[in-house]
Amino acid sequence: MPDESFESSALPHLDTLYRVALRLTGEPAAAQDLVQDTMLRALRAWGSFRPGSNARAWLVTILRNQFINGWRSEKRTPVGVDVDAIPEPPDPKDPDPEGRFFSELVDDEVLHAVDGLPDEFREVLVLSDMEGLPYAEIAESLDIPVGTVKSRLFRARRILQGSLRRYAESTGLIPPKSAEES
């Protein structure tokens, strides 16, 4: 019988794990399998979990490692990103254009664009903007410095900003660029 501590500490995070897995895999069945594998691995390793530490970060780390291991076994090649090709923000006078943009617009078009991000950018964006995890927890889960989390999040938002600009203009979320701005 599973340890009550595991049930009370790990099971409340199933929804978060599923949403993260769905964003990583892009397929509901694969996401369910990934969460199931993650929970099985977590239950088996529960003795190594430090009580009082962050169970959600620990579980996301396991999930991510399971995803990476499966990804590598399928011999997929990550997509490179030309950082110099990332567009500038649409309005330099707006103090937080990325935050405003993503808080006002999340639908199928945005989710499709998020799914198209390179893995290292997508996982940080999903954990931060879609799951609301703090930078420190993301850094712990992904085993990267907080500065790297911030940098990847910035770049992910810029890539999305560029790829979704036309869509945002067509929906009236932002005004179209005038000829002199182009």
C-alpha atoms as a PDB file:
ATOM      1  CA  MET A   1       0.000   0.000   0.000  1.00  0.00           C
ATOM      2  CA  PRO A   2       1.415   3.424  -0.901  1.00  0.00           C
ATOM      3  CA  ASP A   3       2.704   5.646   1.856  1.00  0.00           C
ATOM      4  CA  GLU A   4       0.114   8.204   3.041  1.00  0.00           C
ATOM      5  CA  SER A   5       2.833  10.838   2.879  1.00  0.00           C
ATOM      6  CA  PHE A   6       3.293  10.129  -0.833  1.00  0.00           C
ATOM      7  CA  GLU A   7      -0.438  10.424  -1.398  1.00  0.00           C
ATOM      8  CA  SER A   8      -0.735  13.714   0.459  1.00  0.00           C
ATOM      9  CA  SER A   9       2.457  15.202  -0.982  1.00  0.00           C
ATOM     10  CA  ALA A  10       2.538  13.974  -4.574  1.00  0.00           C
ATOM     11  CA  LEU A  11      -1.010  13.297  -5.719  1.00  0.00           C
ATOM     12  CA  PRO A  12      -2.212  16.926  -5.438  1.00  0.00           C
ATOM     13  CA  HIS A  13       0.217  17.772  -8.260  1.00  0.00           C
ATOM     14  CA  LEU A  14      -1.255  15.368 -10.844  1.00  0.00           C
ATOM     15  CA  ASP A  15      -3.077  18.135 -12.728  1.00  0.00           C
ATOM     16  CA  THR A  16       0.070  20.253 -12.959  1.00  0.00           C
ATOM     17  CA  LEU A  17       2.102  17.255 -14.112  1.00  0.00           C
ATOM     18  CA  TYR A  18      -0.468  16.410 -16.779  1.00  0.00           C
ATOM     19  CA  ARG A  19      -0.592  19.965 -18.131  1.00  0.00           C
ATOM     20  CA  VAL A  20       3.216  20.141 -18.288  1.00  0.00           C
ATOM     21  CA  ALA A  21       3.395  16.694 -19.901  1.00  0.00           C
ATOM     22  CA  LEU A  22       0.762  17.676 -22.458  1.00  0.00           C
ATOM     23  CA  ARG A  23       2.729  20.790 -23.432  1.00  0.00           C
ATOM     24  CA  LEU A  24       5.930  18.720 -23.711  1.00  0.00           C
ATOM     25  CA  THR A  25       4.495  15.805 -25.682  1.00  0.00           C
ATOM     26  CA  GLY A  26       1.676  17.499 -27.567  1.00  0.00           C
ATOM     27  CA  GLU A  27      -0.463  14.357 -27.319  1.00  0.00           C
ATOM     28  CA  PRO A  28      -2.974  13.521 -24.536  1.00  0.00           C
ATOM     29  CA  ALA A  29      -2.210   9.779 -24.561  1.00  0.00           C
ATOM     30  CA  ALA A  30       1.545  10.376 -24.432  1.00  0.00           C
ATOM     31  CA  ALA A  31       1.040  12.932 -21.641  1.00  0.00           C
ATOM     32  CA  GLN A  32      -0.966  10.417 -19.607  1.00  0.00           C
ATOM     33  CA  ASP A  33       1.740   7.785 -20.113  1.00  0.00           C
ATOM     34  CA  LEU A  34       4.434  10.272 -19.110  1.00  0.00           C
ATOM     35  CA  VAL A  35       2.578  11.243 -15.925  1.00  0.00           C
ATOM     36  CA  GLN A  36       1.986   7.583 -15.082  1.00  0.00           C
ATOM     37  CA  ASP A  37       5.688   6.771 -15.573  1.00  0.00           C
ATOM     38  CA  THR A  38       6.611   9.831 -13.512  1.00  0.00           C
ATOM     39  CA  MET A  39       4.367   8.867 -10.614  1.00  0.00           C
ATOM     40  CA  LEU A  40       5.608   5.262 -10.670  1.00  0.00           C
ATOM     41  CA  ARG A  41       9.210   6.445 -10.605  1.00  0.00           C
ATOM     42  CA  ALA A  42       8.403   8.943  -7.845  1.00  0.00           C
ATOM     43  CA  LEU A  43       6.707   6.264  -5.739  1.00  0.00           C
ATOM     44  CA  ARG A  44       9.686   3.949  -6.155  1.00  0.00           C
ATOM     45  CA  ALA A  45      12.082   6.769  -5.194  1.00  0.00           C
ATOM     46  CA  TRP A  46       9.903   8.180  -2.398  1.00  0.00           C
ATOM     47  CA  GLY A  47      12.481   7.099   0.195  1.00  0.00           C
ATOM     48  CA  SER A  48      14.964   9.570  -1.303  1.00  0.00           C
ATOM     49  CA  PHE A  49      12.499  12.484  -1.134  1.00  0.00           C
ATOM     50  CA  ARG A  50      13.438  14.947   1.618  1.00  0.00           C
ATOM     51  CA  PRO A  51      10.330  15.708   3.709  1.00  0.00           C
ATOM     52  CA  GLY A  52       9.692  19.435   3.810  1.00  0.00           C
ATOM     53  CA  SER A  53      11.259  20.045   0.402  1.00  0.00           C
ATOM     54  CA  ASN A  54       9.270  21.071  -2.660  1.00  0.00           C
ATOM     55  CA  ALA A  55       7.343  18.012  -3.900  1.00  0.00           C
ATOM     56  CA  ARG A  56       6.056  19.796  -7.020  1.00  0.00           C
ATOM     57  CA  ALA A  57       9.578  20.747  -8.151  1.00  0.00           C
ATOM     58  CA  TRP A  58      10.792  17.212  -7.413  1.00  0.00           C
ATOM     59  CA  LEU A  59       7.964  15.684  -9.457  1.00  0.00           C
ATOM     60  CA  VAL A  60       8.442  18.104 -12.366  1.00  0.00           C
ATOM     61  CA  THR A  61      12.133  17.196 -12.392  1.00  0.00           C
ATOM     62  CA  ILE A  62      11.266  13.501 -12.620  1.00  0.00           C
ATOM     63  CA  LEU A  63       8.701  14.197 -15.350  1.00  0.00           C
ATOM     64  CA  ARG A  64      11.179  16.246 -17.347  1.00  0.00           C
ATOM     65  CA  ASN A  65      13.874  13.579 -17.026  1.00  0.00           C
ATOM     66  CA  GLN A  66      11.392  10.904 -18.137  1.00  0.00           C
ATOM     67  CA  PHE A  67      10.462  13.053 -21.133  1.00  0.00           C
ATOM     68  CA  ILE A  68      14.098  13.674 -22.068  1.00  0.00           C
ATOM     69  CA  ASN A  69      14.939   9.975 -21.775  1.00  0.00           C
ATOM     70  CA  GLY A  70      11.980   9.064 -24.000  1.00  0.00           C
ATOM     71  CA  TRP A  71      12.825  11.873 -26.399  1.00  0.00           C
ATOM     72  CA  ARG A  72      16.420  10.670 -26.741  1.00  0.00           C
ATOM     73  CA  SER A  73      15.359   7.079 -27.229  1.00  0.00           C
ATOM     74  CA  GLU A  74      13.292   8.215 -30.225  1.00  0.00           C
ATOM     75  CA  LYS A  75      16.428   9.946 -31.554  1.00  0.00           C
ATOM     76  CA  ARG A  76      14.747  13.274 -32.165  1.00  0.00           C
ATOM     77  CA  THR A  77      16.941  16.251 -32.890  1.00  0.00           C
ATOM     78  CA  PRO A  78      16.227  19.526 -31.092  1.00  0.00           C
ATOM     79  CA  VAL A  79      15.576  22.547 -33.285  1.00  0.00           C
ATOM     80  CA  GLY A  80      18.147  25.336 -33.148  1.00  0.00           C
ATOM     81  CA  VAL A  81      17.131  28.957 -32.768  1.00  0.00           C
ATOM     82  CA  ASP A  82      18.872  31.953 -34.266  1.00  0.00           C
ATOM     83  CA  VAL A  83      18.796  34.340 -31.295  1.00  0.00           C
ATOM     84  CA  ASP A  84      19.602  37.291 -33.570  1.00  0.00           C
ATOM     85  CA  ALA A  85      16.401  36.604 -35.557  1.00  0.00           C
ATOM     86  CA  ILE A  86      14.162  37.131 -32.514  1.00  0.00           C
ATOM     87  CA  PRO A  87      12.121  40.291 -33.210  1.00  0.00           C
ATOM     88  CA  GLU A  88      12.080  43.390 -31.063  1.00  0.00           C
ATOM     89  CA  PRO A  89       9.008  44.103 -28.914  1.00  0.00           C
ATOM     90  CA  PRO A  90       6.141  45.783 -30.777  1.00  0.00           C
ATOM     91  CA  ASP A  91       5.936  48.837 -28.484  1.00  0.00           C
ATOM     92  CA  PRO A  92       9.092  49.858 -26.600  1.00  0.00           C
ATOM     93  CA  LYS A  93       7.042  52.280 -24.451  1.00  0.00           C
ATOM     94  CA  ASP A  94       4.995  49.409 -22.963  1.00  0.00           C
ATOM     95  CA  PRO A  95       6.716  48.411 -19.667  1.00  0.00           C
ATOM     96  CA  ASP A  96       5.678  44.718 -19.926  1.00  0.00           C
ATOM     97  CA  PRO A  97       4.497  43.882 -23.439  1.00  0.00           C
ATOM     98  CA  GLU A  98       5.164  40.160 -23.015  1.00  0.00           C
ATOM     99  CA  GLY A  99       3.231  39.916 -19.758  1.00  0.00           C
ATOM    100  CA  ARG A 100       0.283  41.880 -21.174  1.00  0.00           C
ATOM    101  CA  PHE A 101       0.297  39.890 -24.393  1.00  0.00           C
ATOM    102  CA  PHE A 102       0.287  36.474 -22.718  1.00  0.00           C
ATOM    103  CA  SER A 103      -2.185  37.367 -19.975  1.00  0.00           C
ATOM    104  CA  GLU A 104      -4.743  38.591 -22.523  1.00  0.00           C
ATOM    105  CA  LEU A 105      -4.394  35.942 -25.204  1.00  0.00           C
ATOM    106  CA  VAL A 106      -4.208  32.195 -24.676  1.00  0.00           C
ATOM    107  CA  ASP A 107      -6.117  30.110 -27.188  1.00  0.00           C
ATOM    108  CA  ASP A 108      -5.438  27.375 -29.739  1.00  0.00           C
ATOM    109  CA  GLU A 109      -3.302  29.658 -31.911  1.00  0.00           C
ATOM    110  CA  VAL A 110      -1.099  30.552 -28.943  1.00  0.00           C
ATOM    111  CA  LEU A 111      -0.897  26.953 -27.729  1.00  0.00           C
ATOM    112  CA  HIS A 112       0.121  25.867 -31.233  1.00  0.00           C
ATOM    113  CA  ALA A 113       2.859  28.525 -31.245  1.00  0.00           C
ATOM    114  CA  VAL A 114       4.012  27.423 -27.763  1.00  0.00           C
ATOM    115  CA  ASP A 115       4.185  23.825 -28.971  1.00  0.00           C
ATOM    116  CA  GLY A 116       6.435  24.996 -31.813  1.00  0.00           C
ATOM    117  CA  LEU A 117       9.041  26.488 -29.475  1.00  0.00           C
ATOM    118  CA  PRO A 118      12.343  24.652 -29.030  1.00  0.00           C
ATOM    119  CA  ASP A 119      12.246  22.386 -25.948  1.00  0.00           C
ATOM    120  CA  GLU A 120      14.486  24.491 -23.703  1.00  0.00           C
ATOM    121  CA  PHE A 121      12.328  27.572 -24.252  1.00  0.00           C
ATOM    122  CA  ARG A 122       8.967  25.770 -24.205  1.00  0.00           C
ATOM    123  CA  GLU A 123       9.522  24.025 -20.885  1.00  0.00           C
ATOM    124  CA  VAL A 124      10.497  27.267 -19.109  1.00  0.00           C
ATOM    125  CA  LEU A 125       7.564  29.167 -20.633  1.00  0.00           C
ATOM    126  CA  VAL A 126       5.077  26.433 -19.729  1.00  0.00           C
ATOM    127  CA  LEU A 127       6.300  26.171 -16.151  1.00  0.00           C
ATOM    128  CA  SER A 128       6.355  29.942 -15.644  1.00  0.00           C
ATOM    129  CA  ASP A 129       3.519  31.442 -17.670  1.00  0.00           C
ATOM    130  CA  MET A 130       1.111  28.524 -17.847  1.00  0.00           C
ATOM    131  CA  GLU A 131       1.716  26.799 -14.516  1.00  0.00           C
ATOM    132  CA  GLY A 132       2.734  29.843 -12.484  1.00  0.00           C
ATOM    133  CA  LEU A 133       5.859  28.308 -10.940  1.00  0.00           C
ATOM    134  CA  PRO A 134       8.341  30.796  -9.469  1.00  0.00           C
ATOM    135  CA  TYR A 135      11.739  31.164 -11.138  1.00  0.00           C
ATOM    136  CA  ALA A 136      13.561  29.443  -8.263  1.00  0.00           C
ATOM    137  CA  GLU A 137      11.308  26.399  -8.494  1.00  0.00           C
ATOM    138  CA  ILE A 138      11.733  26.214 -12.259  1.00  0.00           C
ATOM    139  CA  ALA A 139      15.509  26.454 -11.849  1.00  0.00           C
ATOM    140  CA  GLU A 140      15.426  23.653  -9.287  1.00  0.00           C
ATOM    141  CA  SER A 141      13.195  21.462 -11.468  1.00  0.00           C
ATOM    142  CA  LEU A 142      15.299  21.922 -14.591  1.00  0.00           C
ATOM    143  CA  ASP A 143      18.648  21.980 -12.760  1.00  0.00           C
ATOM    144  CA  ILE A 144      19.663  25.302 -14.299  1.00  0.00           C
ATOM    145  CA  PRO A 145      20.536  28.699 -12.767  1.00  0.00           C
ATOM    146  CA  VAL A 146      17.740  31.227 -12.157  1.00  0.00           C
ATOM    147  CA  GLY A 147      19.431  33.573 -14.641  1.00  0.00           C
ATOM    148  CA  THR A 148      19.114  30.917 -17.337  1.00  0.00           C
ATOM    149  CA  VAL A 149      15.403  30.564 -16.511  1.00  0.00           C
ATOM    150  CA  LYS A 150      14.935  34.317 -16.956  1.00  0.00           C
ATOM    151  CA  SER A 151      16.944  34.374 -20.181  1.00  0.00           C
ATOM    152  CA  ARG A 152      15.075  31.443 -21.727  1.00  0.00           C
ATOM    153  CA  LEU A 153      11.727  32.893 -20.678  1.00  0.00           C
ATOM    154  CA  PHE A 154      12.638  36.233 -22.249  1.00  0.00           C
ATOM    155  CA  ARG A 155      13.694  34.549 -25.486  1.00  0.00           C
ATOM    156  CA  ALA A 156      10.624  32.288 -25.567  1.00  0.00           C
ATOM    157  CA  ARG A 157       8.346  35.295 -25.156  1.00  0.00           C
ATOM    158  CA  ARG A 158      10.173  37.168 -27.918  1.00  0.00           C
ATOM    159  CA  ILE A 159       9.867  34.234 -30.313  1.00  0.00           C
ATOM    160  CA  LEU A 160       6.152  33.964 -29.573  1.00  0.00           C
ATOM    161  CA  GLN A 161       5.721  37.702 -29.894  1.00  0.00           C
ATOM    162  CA  GLY A 162       7.161  37.592 -33.383  1.00  0.00           C
ATOM    163  CA  SER A 163       5.259  34.514 -34.501  1.00  0.00           C
ATOM    164  CA  LEU A 164       1.922  35.705 -33.080  1.00  0.00           C
ATOM    165  CA  ARG A 165       2.057  39.381 -34.032  1.00  0.00           C
ATOM    166  CA  ARG A 166      -0.089  39.026 -37.169  1.00  0.00           C
ATOM    167  CA  TYR A 167      -2.629  36.951 -35.249  1.00  0.00           C
ATOM    168  CA  ALA A 168      -2.773  39.520 -32.429  1.00  0.00           C
ATOM    169  CA  GLU A 169      -3.308  42.296 -34.980  1.00  0.00           C
ATOM    170  CA  SER A 170      -6.091  40.367 -36.753  1.00  0.00           C
ATOM    171  CA  THR A 171      -7.938  39.769 -33.475  1.00  0.00           C
ATOM    172  CA  GLY A 172      -7.610  43.422 -32.455  1.00  0.00           C
ATOM    173  CA  LEU A 173      -5.464  42.669 -29.423  1.00  0.00           C
ATOM    174  CA  ILE A 174      -2.797  45.050 -30.677  1.00  0.00           C
ATOM    175  CA  PRO A 175      -3.034  47.756 -33.326  1.00  0.00           C
ATOM    176  CA  PRO A 176      -1.540  46.964 -36.726  1.00  0.00           C
ATOM    177  CA  LYS A 177       1.890  48.373 -37.490  1.00  0.00           C
ATOM    178  CA  SER A 178       1.681  51.540 -39.536  1.00  0.00           C
ATOM    179  CA  ALA A 179       3.804  51.884 -42.674  1.00  0.00           C
ATOM    180  CA  GLU A 180       6.280  54.245 -40.947  1.00  0.00           C
ATOM    181  CA  GLU A 181       6.844  51.762 -38.057  1.00  0.00           C
ATOM    182  CA  SER A 182       7.832  48.923 -40.400  1.00  0.00           C
END
